Amino acid sequence: MLSAMSGGRFKATCHRVVDTGVDRMSVPFFFEPNYDADISCIMPSGPVASSSTATTLQQFCGKKSKVAGGTQYGTWLIEKMRSFAEYRDILSEFKFGSSGSRA
């Protein structure tokens, strides 16, 4: 999500699960925007400056967002999930309203 919204400027931390053969407990935490949140533009368009010369976030992150204007988070999430074959059947079980929110 962050990569798409920042035009590839910011990327998620690489992470993986490794089976060490020892039982363990994991407490994951995920933070998401509201379903109807407009996620189209967190990054302005324009040339990208280096971190040493940028004086504003706009200068540092000047790449154009890859998320279309007016895109809602829920709509983006559903489309992203549909790109995975294992989620297609699950998504077909739910009905979504015109704004994308579950009806």
Protein backbone atom coordinates (compact mmCIF):
# COMPACT_ATOMS: atom_id res chain seq x y z
CA MET A 1 0.00 0.00 0.00
CA LEU A 2 2.69 2.49 1.01
CA SER A 3 4.73 1.66 -2.08
CA ALA A 4 1.76 2.25 -4.40
CA MET A 5 0.75 5.48 -2.69
CA SER A 6 4.30 6.88 -2.70
CA GLY A 7 5.05 6.01 -6.32
CA GLY A 8 7.57 3.39 -5.19
CA ARG A 9 9.55 5.85 -3.06
CA PHE A 10 8.78 4.00 0.19
CA LYS A 11 8.70 0.22 0.45
CA ALA A 12 7.56 -2.16 3.18
CA THR A 13 10.19 -3.76 5.37
CA CYS A 14 11.14 -7.22 4.11
CA HIS A 15 9.82 -9.83 6.47
CA ARG A 16 9.45 -13.59 6.48
CA VAL A 17 8.56 -16.46 8.74
CA VAL A 18 11.22 -19.08 9.39
CA ASP A 19 10.40 -22.44 10.94
CA THR A 20 13.02 -22.83 13.66
CA GLY A 21 11.49 -26.03 15.00
CA VAL A 22 10.67 -24.37 18.33
CA ASP A 23 7.16 -23.31 19.37
CA ARG A 24 6.72 -19.58 19.63
CA MET A 25 4.02 -16.98 20.02
CA SER A 26 3.51 -14.17 17.55
CA VAL A 27 1.47 -11.02 18.12
CA PRO A 28 1.06 -9.31 14.74
CA PHE A 29 -0.31 -5.80 14.47
CA PHE A 30 -1.72 -4.31 11.29
CA PHE A 31 -2.75 -0.70 10.85
CA GLU A 32 -5.02 0.26 7.97
CA PRO A 33 -6.89 3.34 6.79
CA ASN A 34 -10.68 3.44 7.11
CA TYR A 35 -12.47 1.53 4.36
CA ASP A 36 -13.76 4.76 2.75
CA ALA A 37 -10.51 6.75 3.18
CA ASP A 38 -9.24 8.55 0.07
CA ILE A 39 -5.77 7.10 -0.53
CA SER A 40 -5.13 8.67 -3.91
CA CYS A 41 -2.53 11.24 -3.02
CA ILE A 42 -0.07 11.16 -0.18
CA MET A 43 2.80 12.09 -2.47
CA PRO A 44 2.96 15.14 -4.73
CA SER A 45 4.13 14.93 -8.32
CA GLY A 46 7.39 16.48 -9.48
CA PRO A 47 11.12 15.68 -9.55
CA VAL A 48 12.64 13.63 -6.74
CA ALA A 49 15.30 15.39 -4.66
CA SER A 50 18.04 13.65 -2.73
CA SER A 51 17.63 13.47 1.04
CA SER A 52 20.61 15.81 1.50
CA THR A 53 19.16 18.61 -0.67
CA ALA A 54 15.45 18.27 0.09
CA THR A 55 14.01 20.87 2.43
CA THR A 56 10.41 19.64 2.37
CA LEU A 57 8.64 16.30 2.19
CA GLN A 58 7.28 17.40 -1.19
CA GLN A 59 10.83 17.79 -2.55
CA PHE A 60 12.01 14.50 -1.04
CA CYS A 61 9.05 12.40 -2.16
CA GLY A 62 8.26 14.14 -5.42
CA LYS A 63 7.25 11.01 -7.39
CA LYS A 64 3.67 10.81 -8.57
CA SER A 65 1.36 8.41 -6.75
CA LYS A 66 0.47 5.17 -8.59
CA VAL A 67 -2.99 5.24 -7.02
CA ALA A 68 -5.63 7.00 -9.16
CA GLY A 69 -7.33 10.13 -7.86
CA GLY A 70 -10.42 9.53 -5.74
CA THR A 71 -9.46 5.93 -4.89
CA GLN A 72 -10.93 4.62 -1.66
CA TYR A 73 -8.88 2.22 0.46
CA GLY A 74 -11.59 -0.48 0.50
CA THR A 75 -11.90 -0.47 -3.29
CA TRP A 76 -8.11 -0.66 -3.66
CA LEU A 77 -7.88 -3.49 -1.11
CA ILE A 78 -10.58 -5.60 -2.79
CA GLU A 79 -8.93 -5.20 -6.21
CA LYS A 80 -5.54 -6.08 -4.72
CA MET A 81 -7.00 -9.21 -3.11
CA ARG A 82 -8.67 -10.23 -6.39
CA SER A 83 -5.20 -10.42 -7.95
CA PHE A 84 -4.53 -13.50 -5.77
CA ALA A 85 -6.27 -16.67 -6.99
CA GLU A 86 -6.70 -18.01 -3.44
CA TYR A 87 -8.88 -15.01 -2.44
CA ARG A 88 -11.20 -14.88 -5.47
CA ASP A 89 -13.72 -17.40 -4.10
CA ILE A 90 -13.74 -15.78 -0.67
CA LEU A 91 -14.48 -12.33 -2.11
CA SER A 92 -17.37 -13.65 -4.20
CA GLU A 93 -19.19 -14.56 -0.95
CA PHE A 94 -19.44 -10.89 0.10
CA LYS A 95 -21.69 -8.18 -1.30
CA PHE A 96 -20.26 -4.67 -1.57
CA GLY A 97 -22.24 -1.43 -1.90
CA SER A 98 -21.68 1.28 -4.51
CA SER A 99 -18.98 2.92 -2.39
CA GLY A 100 -17.27 -0.44 -1.97
CA SER A 101 -18.33 -0.87 1.65
CA ARG A 102 -19.99 -4.13 2.62
CA ALA A 103 -23.74 -3.96 2.18
